[in-house]
Amino acid sequence: MITGFETIVEERIRSAQRQGMFDNLQGKGLPLPEDTMSGVNDELRLAYRMLKNADYLPPELSLKKEIQTTQSILNHMTDPQKKYKAIKKLNFLIMKLNITRNQSPEFEIPQHYYESLVSKVE
């Protein structure tokens, strides 16, 4: 059974079609893009797509991204004091990631140590 709200929506869509509002849409006449979530369970696909469209990253991926950014910045630093602070931050992020994973310590990401990095730079 169609509700009053659905009737209003359908009428507005038909009105927009008659006015030609859908004639110049990007991608008109082209095949739909390939579904990148074909491996995701049907029940979860809509929820995952909504999270993706909202630019949401799970905490683990967000931490990984921050670790990569910090490593990239660290590679271009020359000041030893700033480098030391960046290494401390990097070690903290790696420790945080390792704790959130709930897996064997054998698979943890190793932390970076100040002395080994400074010896490579100098």
PDB file of N, CA and C in Angstrom:
ATOM      1  N   MET A   1       0.835  -1.178   0.000  1.00  0.00           N
ATOM      2  CA  MET A   1       0.000   0.000   0.000  1.00  0.00           C
ATOM      3  C   MET A   1       0.884   1.248   0.000  1.00  0.00           C
ATOM      4  N   ILE A   2       0.593   2.167  -0.875  1.00  0.00           N
ATOM      5  CA  ILE A   2       1.378   3.392  -1.008  1.00  0.00           C
ATOM      6  C   ILE A   2       0.830   4.431  -0.036  1.00  0.00           C
ATOM      7  N   THR A   3       1.749   5.016   0.742  1.00  0.00           N
ATOM      8  CA  THR A   3       1.349   6.043   1.705  1.00  0.00           C
ATOM      9  C   THR A   3       1.237   7.395   1.009  1.00  0.00           C
ATOM     10  N   GLY A   4       0.709   8.368   1.733  1.00  0.00           N
ATOM     11  CA  GLY A   4       0.576   9.716   1.180  1.00  0.00           C
ATOM     12  C   GLY A   4       1.921  10.334   0.865  1.00  0.00           C
ATOM     13  N   PHE A   5       2.909  10.069   1.716  1.00  0.00           N
ATOM     14  CA  PHE A   5       4.249  10.604   1.498  1.00  0.00           C
ATOM     15  C   PHE A   5       4.861  10.031   0.221  1.00  0.00           C
ATOM     16  N   GLU A   6       4.717   8.714   0.025  1.00  0.00           N
ATOM     17  CA  GLU A   6       5.259   8.075  -1.181  1.00  0.00           C
ATOM     18  C   GLU A   6       4.582   8.621  -2.436  1.00  0.00           C
ATOM     19  N   THR A   7       3.305   8.898  -2.359  1.00  0.00           N
ATOM     20  CA  THR A   7       2.577   9.469  -3.495  1.00  0.00           C
ATOM     21  C   THR A   7       3.132  10.842  -3.852  1.00  0.00           C
ATOM     22  N   ILE A   8       3.392  11.661  -2.835  1.00  0.00           N
ATOM     23  CA  ILE A   8       3.954  13.001  -3.073  1.00  0.00           C
ATOM     24  C   ILE A   8       5.335  12.894  -3.710  1.00  0.00           C
ATOM     25  N   VAL A   9       6.163  11.989  -3.199  1.00  0.00           N
ATOM     26  CA  VAL A   9       7.515  11.812  -3.740  1.00  0.00           C
ATOM     27  C   VAL A   9       7.445  11.365  -5.200  1.00  0.00           C
ATOM     28  N   GLU A  10       6.607  10.367  -5.482  1.00  0.00           N
ATOM     29  CA  GLU A  10       6.480   9.870  -6.860  1.00  0.00           C
ATOM     30  C   GLU A  10       6.007  10.982  -7.804  1.00  0.00           C
ATOM     31  N   GLU A  11       5.076  11.795  -7.364  1.00  0.00           N
ATOM     32  CA  GLU A  11       4.569  12.885  -8.197  1.00  0.00           C
ATOM     33  C   GLU A  11       5.646  13.924  -8.468  1.00  0.00           C
ATOM     34  N   ARG A  12       6.460  14.233  -7.459  1.00  0.00           N
ATOM     35  CA  ARG A  12       7.547  15.198  -7.667  1.00  0.00           C
ATOM     36  C   ARG A  12       8.604  14.648  -8.622  1.00  0.00           C
ATOM     37  N   ILE A  13       8.872  13.366  -8.546  1.00  0.00           N
ATOM     38  CA  ILE A  13       9.839  12.751  -9.473  1.00  0.00           C
ATOM     39  C   ILE A  13       9.303  12.820 -10.894  1.00  0.00           C
ATOM     40  N   ARG A  14       8.018  12.461 -11.082  1.00  0.00           N
ATOM     41  CA  ARG A  14       7.422  12.527 -12.429  1.00  0.00           C
ATOM     42  C   ARG A  14       7.420  13.961 -12.963  1.00  0.00           C
ATOM     43  N   SER A  15       7.136  14.922 -12.100  1.00  0.00           N
ATOM     44  CA  SER A  15       7.135  16.333 -12.504  1.00  0.00           C
ATOM     45  C   SER A  15       8.532  16.767 -12.945  1.00  0.00           C
ATOM     46  N   ALA A  16       9.560  16.354 -12.197  1.00  0.00           N
ATOM     47  CA  ALA A  16      10.944  16.692 -12.559  1.00  0.00           C
ATOM     48  C   ALA A  16      11.320  16.047 -13.884  1.00  0.00           C
ATOM     49  N   GLN A  17      10.861  14.818 -14.134  1.00  0.00           N
ATOM     50  CA  GLN A  17      11.135  14.155 -15.407  1.00  0.00           C
ATOM     51  C   GLN A  17      10.491  14.912 -16.559  1.00  0.00           C
ATOM     52  N   ARG A  18       9.242  15.337 -16.381  1.00  0.00           N
ATOM     53  CA  ARG A  18       8.546  16.087 -17.436  1.00  0.00           C
ATOM     54  C   ARG A  18       9.259  17.407 -17.741  1.00  0.00           C
ATOM     55  N   GLN A  19       9.836  18.034 -16.718  1.00  0.00           N
ATOM     56  CA  GLN A  19      10.533  19.310 -16.901  1.00  0.00           C
ATOM     57  C   GLN A  19      11.947  19.112 -17.455  1.00  0.00           C
ATOM     58  N   GLY A  20      12.390  17.868 -17.572  1.00  0.00           N
ATOM     59  CA  GLY A  20      13.710  17.585 -18.136  1.00  0.00           C
ATOM     60  C   GLY A  20      14.862  17.757 -17.160  1.00  0.00           C
ATOM     61  N   MET A  21      14.581  17.732 -15.877  1.00  0.00           N
ATOM     62  CA  MET A  21      15.639  17.929 -14.885  1.00  0.00           C
ATOM     63  C   MET A  21      16.638  16.773 -14.825  1.00  0.00           C
ATOM     64  N   PHE A  22      16.277  15.624 -15.362  1.00  0.00           N
ATOM     65  CA  PHE A  22      17.168  14.465 -15.326  1.00  0.00           C
ATOM     66  C   PHE A  22      17.871  14.231 -16.670  1.00  0.00           C
ATOM     67  N   ASP A  23      17.662  15.143 -17.638  1.00  0.00           N
ATOM     68  CA  ASP A  23      18.202  14.930 -18.983  1.00  0.00           C
ATOM     69  C   ASP A  23      19.720  15.095 -19.080  1.00  0.00           C
ATOM     70  N   ASN A  24      20.311  15.977 -18.296  1.00  0.00           N
ATOM     71  CA  ASN A  24      21.745  16.270 -18.436  1.00  0.00           C
ATOM     72  C   ASN A  24      22.559  15.779 -17.238  1.00  0.00           C
ATOM     73  N   LEU A  25      22.188  14.669 -16.681  1.00  0.00           N
ATOM     74  CA  LEU A  25      22.924  14.129 -15.541  1.00  0.00           C
ATOM     75  C   LEU A  25      24.249  13.528 -15.990  1.00  0.00           C
ATOM     76  N   GLN A  26      25.263  13.666 -15.140  1.00  0.00           N
ATOM     77  CA  GLN A  26      26.581  13.100 -15.441  1.00  0.00           C
ATOM     78  C   GLN A  26      26.469  11.579 -15.533  1.00  0.00           C
ATOM     79  N   GLY A  27      27.031  10.998 -16.579  1.00  0.00           N
ATOM     80  CA  GLY A  27      27.042   9.550 -16.744  1.00  0.00           C
ATOM     81  C   GLY A  27      25.804   8.999 -17.422  1.00  0.00           C
ATOM     82  N   LYS A  28      24.922   9.864 -17.902  1.00  0.00           N
ATOM     83  CA  LYS A  28      23.697   9.391 -18.559  1.00  0.00           C
ATOM     84  C   LYS A  28      24.056   8.575 -19.801  1.00  0.00           C
ATOM     85  N   GLY A  29      23.464   7.409 -19.915  1.00  0.00           N
ATOM     86  CA  GLY A  29      23.706   6.542 -21.062  1.00  0.00           C
ATOM     87  C   GLY A  29      24.927   5.653 -20.910  1.00  0.00           C
ATOM     88  N   LEU A  30      25.701   5.843 -19.859  1.00  0.00           N
ATOM     89  CA  LEU A  30      26.888   5.022 -19.632  1.00  0.00           C
ATOM     90  C   LEU A  30      26.546   3.878 -18.682  1.00  0.00           C
ATOM     91  N   PRO A  31      27.300   2.780 -18.756  1.00  0.00           N
ATOM     92  CA  PRO A  31      27.032   1.687 -17.823  1.00  0.00           C
ATOM     93  C   PRO A  31      27.343   2.109 -16.386  1.00  0.00           C
ATOM     94  N   LEU A  32      26.668   1.496 -15.449  1.00  0.00           N
ATOM     95  CA  LEU A  32      26.918   1.799 -14.045  1.00  0.00           C
ATOM     96  C   LEU A  32      28.331   1.381 -13.672  1.00  0.00           C
ATOM     97  N   PRO A  33      28.964   2.107 -12.762  1.00  0.00           N
ATOM     98  CA  PRO A  33      30.309   1.715 -12.346  1.00  0.00           C
ATOM     99  C   PRO A  33      30.281   0.354 -11.653  1.00  0.00           C
ATOM    100  N   GLU A  34      31.413  -0.343 -11.733  1.00  0.00           N
ATOM    101  CA  GLU A  34      31.512  -1.676 -11.141  1.00  0.00           C
ATOM    102  C   GLU A  34      31.339  -1.584  -9.623  1.00  0.00           C
ATOM    103  N   ASP A  35      30.623  -2.541  -9.070  1.00  0.00           N
ATOM    104  CA  ASP A  35      30.368  -2.562  -7.632  1.00  0.00           C
ATOM    105  C   ASP A  35      31.635  -2.998  -6.904  1.00  0.00           C
ATOM    106  N   THR A  36      32.207  -2.084  -6.112  1.00  0.00           N
ATOM    107  CA  THR A  36      33.444  -2.393  -5.395  1.00  0.00           C
ATOM    108  C   THR A  36      33.174  -3.196  -4.139  1.00  0.00           C
ATOM    109  N   MET A  37      31.912  -3.362  -3.787  1.00  0.00           N
ATOM    110  CA  MET A  37      31.568  -4.097  -2.577  1.00  0.00           C
ATOM    111  C   MET A  37      30.934  -5.443  -2.895  1.00  0.00           C
ATOM    112  N   SER A  38      31.352  -6.055  -3.978  1.00  0.00           N
ATOM    113  CA  SER A  38      30.754  -7.323  -4.370  1.00  0.00           C
ATOM    114  C   SER A  38      31.071  -8.440  -3.380  1.00  0.00           C
ATOM    115  N   GLY A  39      32.151  -8.302  -2.609  1.00  0.00           N
ATOM    116  CA  GLY A  39      32.507  -9.325  -1.638  1.00  0.00           C
ATOM    117  C   GLY A  39      31.851  -9.140  -0.283  1.00  0.00           C
ATOM    118  N   VAL A  40      31.083  -8.051  -0.124  1.00  0.00           N
ATOM    119  CA  VAL A  40      30.448  -7.769   1.159  1.00  0.00           C
ATOM    120  C   VAL A  40      29.074  -8.435   1.186  1.00  0.00           C
ATOM    121  N   ASN A  41      28.737  -8.974   2.344  1.00  0.00           N
ATOM    122  CA  ASN A  41      27.458  -9.626   2.570  1.00  0.00           C
ATOM    123  C   ASN A  41      26.311  -8.686   2.176  1.00  0.00           C
ATOM    124  N   ASP A  42      25.246  -9.214   1.560  1.00  0.00           N
ATOM    125  CA  ASP A  42      24.127  -8.386   1.107  1.00  0.00           C
ATOM    126  C   ASP A  42      23.505  -7.572   2.235  1.00  0.00           C
ATOM    127  N   GLU A  43      23.423  -8.143   3.434  1.00  0.00           N
ATOM    128  CA  GLU A  43      22.805  -7.439   4.550  1.00  0.00           C
ATOM    129  C   GLU A  43      23.639  -6.252   5.006  1.00  0.00           C
ATOM    130  N   LEU A  44      24.957  -6.290   4.779  1.00  0.00           N
ATOM    131  CA  LEU A  44      25.845  -5.230   5.240  1.00  0.00           C
ATOM    132  C   LEU A  44      26.202  -4.217   4.154  1.00  0.00           C
ATOM    133  N   ARG A  45      25.929  -4.540   2.914  1.00  0.00           N
ATOM    134  CA  ARG A  45      26.381  -3.709   1.798  1.00  0.00           C
ATOM    135  C   ARG A  45      25.867  -2.272   1.874  1.00  0.00           C
ATOM    136  N   LEU A  46      24.585  -2.087   2.170  1.00  0.00           N
ATOM    137  CA  LEU A  46      24.025  -0.735   2.237  1.00  0.00           C
ATOM    138  C   LEU A  46      24.672   0.060   3.368  1.00  0.00           C
ATOM    139  N   ALA A  47      24.837  -0.577   4.532  1.00  0.00           N
ATOM    140  CA  ALA A  47      25.455   0.118   5.663  1.00  0.00           C
ATOM    141  C   ALA A  47      26.894   0.506   5.336  1.00  0.00           C
ATOM    142  N   TYR A  48      27.652  -0.400   4.709  1.00  0.00           N
ATOM    143  CA  TYR A  48      29.041  -0.107   4.343  1.00  0.00           C
ATOM    144  C   TYR A  48      29.106   1.022   3.322  1.00  0.00           C
ATOM    145  N   ARG A  49      28.186   1.011   2.372  1.00  0.00           N
ATOM    146  CA  ARG A  49      28.181   2.057   1.352  1.00  0.00           C
ATOM    147  C   ARG A  49      27.878   3.419   1.983  1.00  0.00           C
ATOM    148  N   MET A  50      26.968   3.447   2.948  1.00  0.00           N
ATOM    149  CA  MET A  50      26.655   4.706   3.636  1.00  0.00           C
ATOM    150  C   MET A  50      27.870   5.210   4.408  1.00  0.00           C
ATOM    151  N   LEU A  51      28.575   4.307   5.081  1.00  0.00           N
ATOM    152  CA  LEU A  51      29.780   4.703   5.810  1.00  0.00           C
ATOM    153  C   LEU A  51      30.849   5.213   4.848  1.00  0.00           C
ATOM    154  N   LYS A  52      30.991   4.548   3.713  1.00  0.00           N
ATOM    155  CA  LYS A  52      31.981   4.964   2.720  1.00  0.00           C
ATOM    156  C   LYS A  52      31.641   6.337   2.159  1.00  0.00           C
ATOM    157  N   ASN A  53      30.372   6.567   1.852  1.00  0.00           N
ATOM    158  CA  ASN A  53      29.948   7.861   1.308  1.00  0.00           C
ATOM    159  C   ASN A  53      30.111   8.986   2.321  1.00  0.00           C
ATOM    160  N   ALA A  54      30.076   8.649   3.601  1.00  0.00           N
ATOM    161  CA  ALA A  54      30.254   9.646   4.656  1.00  0.00           C
ATOM    162  C   ALA A  54      31.735   9.829   4.997  1.00  0.00           C
ATOM    163  N   ASP A  55      32.625   9.189   4.238  1.00  0.00           N
ATOM    164  CA  ASP A  55      34.075   9.236   4.466  1.00  0.00           C
ATOM    165  C   ASP A  55      34.451   8.755   5.867  1.00  0.00           C
ATOM    166  N   TYR A  56      33.731   7.750   6.353  1.00  0.00           N
ATOM    167  CA  TYR A  56      34.033   7.178   7.662  1.00  0.00           C
ATOM    168  C   TYR A  56      35.109   6.119   7.513  1.00  0.00           C
ATOM    169  N   LEU A  57      36.092   6.176   8.384  1.00  0.00           N
ATOM    170  CA  LEU A  57      37.119   5.146   8.438  1.00  0.00           C
ATOM    171  C   LEU A  57      37.021   4.433   9.776  1.00  0.00           C
ATOM    172  N   PRO A  58      37.076   3.100   9.774  1.00  0.00           N
ATOM    173  CA  PRO A  58      37.114   2.389  11.049  1.00  0.00           C
ATOM    174  C   PRO A  58      38.344   2.830  11.841  1.00  0.00           C
ATOM    175  N   PRO A  59      38.282   2.746  13.169  1.00  0.00           N
ATOM    176  CA  PRO A  59      39.397   3.216  14.000  1.00  0.00           C
ATOM    177  C   PRO A  59      40.749   2.611  13.609  1.00  0.00           C
ATOM    178  N   GLU A  60      40.777   1.325  13.268  1.00  0.00           N
ATOM    179  CA  GLU A  60      42.051   0.694  12.913  1.00  0.00           C
ATOM    180  C   GLU A  60      42.636   1.310  11.644  1.00  0.00           C
ATOM    181  N   LEU A  61      41.799   1.523  10.646  1.00  0.00           N
ATOM    182  CA  LEU A  61      42.293   2.121   9.400  1.00  0.00           C
ATOM    183  C   LEU A  61      42.681   3.577   9.601  1.00  0.00           C
ATOM    184  N   SER A  62      41.951   4.269  10.450  1.00  0.00           N
ATOM    185  CA  SER A  62      42.291   5.651  10.761  1.00  0.00           C
ATOM    186  C   SER A  62      43.667   5.720  11.429  1.00  0.00           C
ATOM    187  N   LEU A  63      43.931   4.800  12.362  1.00  0.00           N
ATOM    188  CA  LEU A  63      45.243   4.745  13.012  1.00  0.00           C
ATOM    189  C   LEU A  63      46.349   4.426  12.004  1.00  0.00           C
ATOM    190  N   LYS A  64      46.089   3.476  11.113  1.00  0.00           N
ATOM    191  CA  LYS A  64      47.091   3.120  10.090  1.00  0.00           C
ATOM    192  C   LYS A  64      47.410   4.331   9.212  1.00  0.00           C
ATOM    193  N   LYS A  65      46.381   5.073   8.850  1.00  0.00           N
ATOM    194  CA  LYS A  65      46.580   6.262   8.017  1.00  0.00           C
ATOM    195  C   LYS A  65      47.424   7.296   8.754  1.00  0.00           C
ATOM    196  N   GLU A  66      47.135   7.488  10.046  1.00  0.00           N
ATOM    197  CA  GLU A  66      47.898   8.453  10.837  1.00  0.00           C
ATOM    198  C   GLU A  66      49.347   7.996  11.009  1.00  0.00           C
ATOM    199  N   ILE A  67      49.559   6.688  11.154  1.00  0.00           N
ATOM    200  CA  ILE A  67      50.922   6.148  11.258  1.00  0.00           C
ATOM    201  C   ILE A  67      51.695   6.416   9.974  1.00  0.00           C
ATOM    202  N   GLN A  68      51.062   6.168   8.837  1.00  0.00           N
ATOM    203  CA  GLN A  68      51.731   6.412   7.549  1.00  0.00           C
ATOM    204  C   GLN A  68      52.065   7.884   7.372  1.00  0.00           C
ATOM    205  N   THR A  69      51.142   8.755   7.744  1.00  0.00           N
ATOM    206  CA  THR A  69      51.386  10.196   7.637  1.00  0.00           C
ATOM    207  C   THR A  69      52.548  10.617   8.523  1.00  0.00           C
ATOM    208  N   THR A  70      52.571  10.116   9.755  1.00  0.00           N
ATOM    209  CA  THR A  70      53.645  10.452  10.691  1.00  0.00           C
ATOM    210  C   THR A  70      54.984   9.929  10.186  1.00  0.00           C
ATOM    211  N   GLN A  71      55.011   8.723   9.631  1.00  0.00           N
ATOM    212  CA  GLN A  71      56.253   8.176   9.078  1.00  0.00           C
ATOM    213  C   GLN A  71      56.739   9.020   7.908  1.00  0.00           C
ATOM    214  N   SER A  72      55.819   9.442   7.065  1.00  0.00           N
ATOM    215  CA  SER A  72      56.191  10.269   5.920  1.00  0.00           C
ATOM    216  C   SER A  72      56.784  11.602   6.379  1.00  0.00           C
ATOM    217  N   ILE A  73      56.152  12.222   7.363  1.00  0.00           N
ATOM    218  CA  ILE A  73      56.671  13.489   7.899  1.00  0.00           C
ATOM    219  C   ILE A  73      58.032  13.263   8.542  1.00  0.00           C
ATOM    220  N   LEU A  74      58.162  12.173   9.269  1.00  0.00           N
ATOM    221  CA  LEU A  74      59.407  11.848   9.965  1.00  0.00           C
ATOM    222  C   LEU A  74      60.570  11.679   8.988  1.00  0.00           C
ATOM    223  N   ASN A  75      60.301  11.106   7.839  1.00  0.00           N
ATOM    224  CA  ASN A  75      61.354  10.889   6.840  1.00  0.00           C
ATOM    225  C   ASN A  75      61.938  12.190   6.299  1.00  0.00           C
ATOM    226  N   HIS A  76      61.183  13.277   6.393  1.00  0.00           N
ATOM    227  CA  HIS A  76      61.643  14.557   5.843  1.00  0.00           C
ATOM    228  C   HIS A  76      62.121  15.536   6.916  1.00  0.00           C
ATOM    229  N   MET A  77      62.124  15.108   8.166  1.00  0.00           N
ATOM    230  CA  MET A  77      62.556  15.984   9.255  1.00  0.00           C
ATOM    231  C   MET A  77      64.072  15.981   9.389  1.00  0.00           C
ATOM    232  N   THR A  78      64.611  17.129   9.781  1.00  0.00           N
ATOM    233  CA  THR A  78      66.058  17.219  10.005  1.00  0.00           C
ATOM    234  C   THR A  78      66.393  17.609  11.444  1.00  0.00           C
ATOM    235  N   ASP A  79      65.503  18.326  12.112  1.00  0.00           N
ATOM    236  CA  ASP A  79      65.741  18.758  13.487  1.00  0.00           C
ATOM    237  C   ASP A  79      65.619  17.556  14.438  1.00  0.00           C
ATOM    238  N   PRO A  80      66.687  17.228  15.188  1.00  0.00           N
ATOM    239  CA  PRO A  80      66.661  16.038  16.063  1.00  0.00           C
ATOM    240  C   PRO A  80      65.578  16.099  17.148  1.00  0.00           C
ATOM    241  N   GLN A  81      65.316  17.291  17.717  1.00  0.00           N
ATOM    242  CA  GLN A  81      64.293  17.383  18.758  1.00  0.00           C
ATOM    243  C   GLN A  81      62.897  17.136  18.199  1.00  0.00           C
ATOM    244  N   LYS A  82      62.606  17.707  17.034  1.00  0.00           N
ATOM    245  CA  LYS A  82      61.309  17.482  16.409  1.00  0.00           C
ATOM    246  C   LYS A  82      61.177  16.022  15.978  1.00  0.00           C
ATOM    247  N   LYS A  83      62.299  15.470  15.521  1.00  0.00           N
ATOM    248  CA  LYS A  83      62.310  14.079  15.097  1.00  0.00           C
ATOM    249  C   LYS A  83      62.023  13.159  16.283  1.00  0.00           C
ATOM    250  N   TYR A  84      62.597  13.471  17.433  1.00  0.00           N
ATOM    251  CA  TYR A  84      62.384  12.682  18.638  1.00  0.00           C
ATOM    252  C   TYR A  84      60.907  12.714  19.036  1.00  0.00           C
ATOM    253  N   LYS A  85      60.289  13.894  18.987  1.00  0.00           N
ATOM    254  CA  LYS A  85      58.868  14.011  19.315  1.00  0.00           C
ATOM    255  C   LYS A  85      58.008  13.224  18.327  1.00  0.00           C
ATOM    256  N   ALA A  86      58.375  13.284  17.055  1.00  0.00           N
ATOM    257  CA  ALA A  86      57.618  12.554  16.041  1.00  0.00           C
ATOM    258  C   ALA A  86      57.747  11.046  16.246  1.00  0.00           C
ATOM    259  N   ILE A  87      58.935  10.596  16.649  1.00  0.00           N
ATOM    260  CA  ILE A  87      59.135   9.165  16.909  1.00  0.00           C
ATOM    261  C   ILE A  87      58.310   8.736  18.117  1.00  0.00           C
ATOM    262  N   LYS A  88      58.265   9.575  19.154  1.00  0.00           N
ATOM    263  CA  LYS A  88      57.447   9.261  20.324  1.00  0.00           C
ATOM    264  C   LYS A  88      55.966   9.138  19.924  1.00  0.00           C
ATOM    265  N   LYS A  89      55.522  10.054  19.082  1.00  0.00           N
ATOM    266  CA  LYS A  89      54.136  10.000  18.607  1.00  0.00           C
ATOM    267  C   LYS A  89      53.914   8.733  17.790  1.00  0.00           C
ATOM    268  N   LEU A  90      54.856   8.418  16.906  1.00  0.00           N
ATOM    269  CA  LEU A  90      54.752   7.234  16.069  1.00  0.00           C
ATOM    270  C   LEU A  90      54.698   5.968  16.924  1.00  0.00           C
ATOM    271  N   ASN A  91      55.562   5.889  17.923  1.00  0.00           N
ATOM    272  CA  ASN A  91      55.558   4.721  18.815  1.00  0.00           C
ATOM    273  C   ASN A  91      54.230   4.595  19.556  1.00  0.00           C
ATOM    274  N   PHE A  92      53.691   5.721  19.994  1.00  0.00           N
ATOM    275  CA  PHE A  92      52.401   5.703  20.682  1.00  0.00           C
ATOM    276  C   PHE A  92      51.299   5.195  19.752  1.00  0.00           C
ATOM    277  N   LEU A  93      51.278   5.696  18.510  1.00  0.00           N
ATOM    278  CA  LEU A  93      50.251   5.274  17.554  1.00  0.00           C
ATOM    279  C   LEU A  93      50.369   3.786  17.241  1.00  0.00           C
ATOM    280  N   ILE A  94      51.601   3.317  17.079  1.00  0.00           N
ATOM    281  CA  ILE A  94      51.811   1.893  16.795  1.00  0.00           C
ATOM    282  C   ILE A  94      51.359   1.050  17.986  1.00  0.00           C
ATOM    283  N   MET A  95      51.704   1.486  19.200  1.00  0.00           N
ATOM    284  CA  MET A  95      51.272   0.757  20.389  1.00  0.00           C
ATOM    285  C   MET A  95      49.740   0.721  20.463  1.00  0.00           C
ATOM    286  N   LYS A  96      49.112   1.844  20.191  1.00  0.00           N
ATOM    287  CA  LYS A  96      47.646   1.927  20.221  1.00  0.00           C
ATOM    288  C   LYS A  96      47.032   0.973  19.189  1.00  0.00           C
ATOM    289  N   LEU A  97      47.613   0.938  17.992  1.00  0.00           N
ATOM    290  CA  LEU A  97      47.124   0.037  16.945  1.00  0.00           C
ATOM    291  C   LEU A  97      47.297  -1.414  17.365  1.00  0.00           C
ATOM    292  N   ASN A  98      48.454  -1.751  17.919  1.00  0.00           N
ATOM    293  CA  ASN A  98      48.708  -3.125  18.335  1.00  0.00           C
ATOM    294  C   ASN A  98      47.741  -3.566  19.432  1.00  0.00           C
ATOM    295  N   ILE A  99      47.395  -2.661  20.326  1.00  0.00           N
ATOM    296  CA  ILE A  99      46.468  -2.997  21.414  1.00  0.00           C
ATOM    297  C   ILE A  99      45.056  -3.230  20.882  1.00  0.00           C
ATOM    298  N   THR A 100      44.633  -2.425  19.924  1.00  0.00           N
ATOM    299  CA  THR A 100      43.260  -2.534  19.420  1.00  0.00           C
ATOM    300  C   THR A 100      43.045  -3.759  18.539  1.00  0.00           C
ATOM    301  N   ARG A 101      44.089  -4.383  18.071  1.00  0.00           N
ATOM    302  CA  ARG A 101      43.955  -5.492  17.130  1.00  0.00           C
ATOM    303  C   ARG A 101      43.531  -6.813  17.760  1.00  0.00           C
ATOM    304  N   ASN A 102      43.833  -7.037  19.023  1.00  0.00           N
ATOM    305  CA  ASN A 102      43.508  -8.296  19.685  1.00  0.00           C
ATOM    306  C   ASN A 102      44.063  -9.503  18.925  1.00  0.00           C
ATOM    307  N   GLN A 103      45.338  -9.476  18.657  1.00  0.00           N
ATOM    308  CA  GLN A 103      45.968 -10.591  17.959  1.00  0.00           C
ATOM    309  C   GLN A 103      47.274 -10.942  18.643  1.00  0.00           C
ATOM    310  N   SER A 104      47.906 -11.964  18.157  1.00  0.00           N
ATOM    311  CA  SER A 104      49.153 -12.440  18.734  1.00  0.00           C
ATOM    312  C   SER A 104      50.238 -11.368  18.628  1.00  0.00           C
ATOM    313  N   PRO A 105      51.088 -11.240  19.664  1.00  0.00           N
ATOM    314  CA  PRO A 105      52.171 -10.250  19.616  1.00  0.00           C
ATOM    315  C   PRO A 105      53.155 -10.488  18.469  1.00  0.00           C
ATOM    316  N   GLU A 106      53.172 -11.698  17.936  1.00  0.00           N
ATOM    317  CA  GLU A 106      54.070 -11.994  16.814  1.00  0.00           C
ATOM    318  C   GLU A 106      53.748 -11.148  15.587  1.00  0.00           C
ATOM    319  N   PHE A 107      52.482 -10.734  15.468  1.00  0.00           N
ATOM    320  CA  PHE A 107      52.049  -9.998  14.284  1.00  0.00           C
ATOM    321  C   PHE A 107      51.973  -8.489  14.518  1.00  0.00           C
ATOM    322  N   GLU A 108      52.423  -8.043  15.665  1.00  0.00           N
ATOM    323  CA  GLU A 108      52.387  -6.620  15.963  1.00  0.00           C
ATOM    324  C   GLU A 108      53.376  -5.855  15.092  1.00  0.00           C
ATOM    325  N   ILE A 109      53.069  -4.614  14.823  1.00  0.00           N
ATOM    326  CA  ILE A 109      53.979  -3.741  14.088  1.00  0.00           C
ATOM    327  C   ILE A 109      55.092  -3.332  15.048  1.00  0.00           C
ATOM    328  N   PRO A 110      56.347  -3.481  14.659  1.00  0.00           N
ATOM    329  CA  PRO A 110      57.426  -3.091  15.572  1.00  0.00           C
ATOM    330  C   PRO A 110      57.497  -1.573  15.719  1.00  0.00           C
ATOM    331  N   GLN A 111      57.820  -1.132  16.933  1.00  0.00           N
ATOM    332  CA  GLN A 111      57.963   0.296  17.166  1.00  0.00           C
ATOM    333  C   GLN A 111      59.315   0.765  16.644  1.00  0.00           C
ATOM    334  N   HIS A 112      59.421   2.052  16.370  1.00  0.00           N
ATOM    335  CA  HIS A 112      60.655   2.648  15.884  1.00  0.00           C
ATOM    336  C   HIS A 112      61.370   3.295  17.058  1.00  0.00           C
ATOM    337  N   TYR A 113      62.654   3.165  17.089  1.00  0.00           N
ATOM    338  CA  TYR A 113      63.412   3.696  18.211  1.00  0.00           C
ATOM    339  C   TYR A 113      64.289   4.854  17.762  1.00  0.00           C
ATOM    340  N   TYR A 114      64.390   5.806  18.621  1.00  0.00           N
ATOM    341  CA  TYR A 114      65.080   7.056  18.333  1.00  0.00           C
ATOM    342  C   TYR A 114      66.528   6.834  17.934  1.00  0.00           C
ATOM    343  N   GLU A 115      67.255   6.036  18.716  1.00  0.00           N
ATOM    344  CA  GLU A 115      68.694   5.848  18.455  1.00  0.00           C
ATOM    345  C   GLU A 115      68.945   5.242  17.062  1.00  0.00           C
ATOM    346  N   SER A 116      68.159   4.253  16.694  1.00  0.00           N
ATOM    347  CA  SER A 116      68.391   3.609  15.398  1.00  0.00           C
ATOM    348  C   SER A 116      68.109   4.566  14.246  1.00  0.00           C
ATOM    349  N   LEU A 117      67.101   5.403  14.404  1.00  0.00           N
ATOM    350  CA  LEU A 117      66.803   6.353  13.327  1.00  0.00           C
ATOM    351  C   LEU A 117      67.830   7.471  13.259  1.00  0.00           C
ATOM    352  N   VAL A 118      68.222   7.959  14.408  1.00  0.00           N
ATOM    353  CA  VAL A 118      69.215   9.047  14.414  1.00  0.00           C
ATOM    354  C   VAL A 118      70.530   8.552  13.852  1.00  0.00           C
ATOM    355  N   SER A 119      70.900   7.328  14.154  1.00  0.00           N
ATOM    356  CA  SER A 119      72.168   6.792  13.622  1.00  0.00           C
ATOM    357  C   SER A 119      72.127   6.679  12.093  1.00  0.00           C
ATOM    358  N   LYS A 120      70.959   6.433  11.539  1.00  0.00           N
ATOM    359  CA  LYS A 120      70.839   6.351  10.090  1.00  0.00           C
ATOM    360  C   LYS A 120      70.915   7.733   9.443  1.00  0.00           C
ATOM    361  N   VAL A 121      70.420   8.745  10.145  1.00  0.00           N
ATOM    362  CA  VAL A 121      70.403  10.114   9.609  1.00  0.00           C
ATOM    363  C   VAL A 121      71.761  10.752   9.679  1.00  0.00           C
ATOM    364  N   GLU A 122      72.466  10.519  10.789  1.00  0.00           N
ATOM    365  CA  GLU A 122      73.735  11.196  10.979  1.00  0.00           C
ATOM    366  C   GLU A 122      74.853  10.551  10.204  1.00  0.00           C
TER     367      GLU A 122
END
